């Protein structure tokens, strides 16, 4: 499927200087959604659903463990009010989420927060494996390796932090080889000085650059993959807008959290999302 009109009408996105607000970024995602085929809409939803998963977990954490989250993640494919009323809105949820809720019904109070998170991740990634989307498989395999690298860097600077286990990696078939992407050693060399300096803005900006590099590797003009790559940028800009607007407050909260973790052993019950 070619999307000549849609792609040509989308605003240009710049990694370090976007005049679009979070609201405008989300509106752009909605415009894209309205113009996709049903098959491509599924792929778009899969790019947004990690935020849906976090939001569902926040609701379940609050319900079963009295663990309150101050704000939800965005952008989303499932409205928050639907997730808040998930028992009455089953028909509006994706299959993997319905299966997760049904299969684990009656066990959430006995599961730790981290176990709840890992199990939902397993359901989601099994769902991704069945999409037969080369873009999705390539993106999530690449993202796993990037996050694993960042986690290893953080662990060296903050050895008391929890890191994800090796078995969490999913073997996605038929991924596209993107030769232009920065390799693991280069990422480590670039990020270590920023982590050591506790420069959160520089770290986030550099990671944005890796996502931009990934998105720009999909070169077929006006293709569905080019639309999905654009959405990857939109999601990162949405996150960046929220991060940068917090400024020094975000940094102060991070330093406060680090001090608390240093003074107490990290609980295996805590989530890592």
Foldseek 3Di string as FASTA:
>chain_A
DFAVPLVVPDDDDDLPDDPDALVRLLVNLVVVLVPDDPLLNVVSQLVACVQVLQLLLQLLCCVQPVDHDDDGDDDHPDDSVCSNPVVVNVVVDDPLVNCLCVVCPPPSNVAFSARSSLVSLVSSVVVVLPSPDLLSLQVVLVVVVVQQLVQVLVCVVQVLDDHDDPVSHDDRPPHDDQVQADDSVVLSVVCNVCVNVLVVLVNLSVVLVRLLSVLVSPPDHRDSSNVVSVVSNSSSVSVNSVVVVCPVVVSVVVVVVSVVSVVDHDDPRDHDD
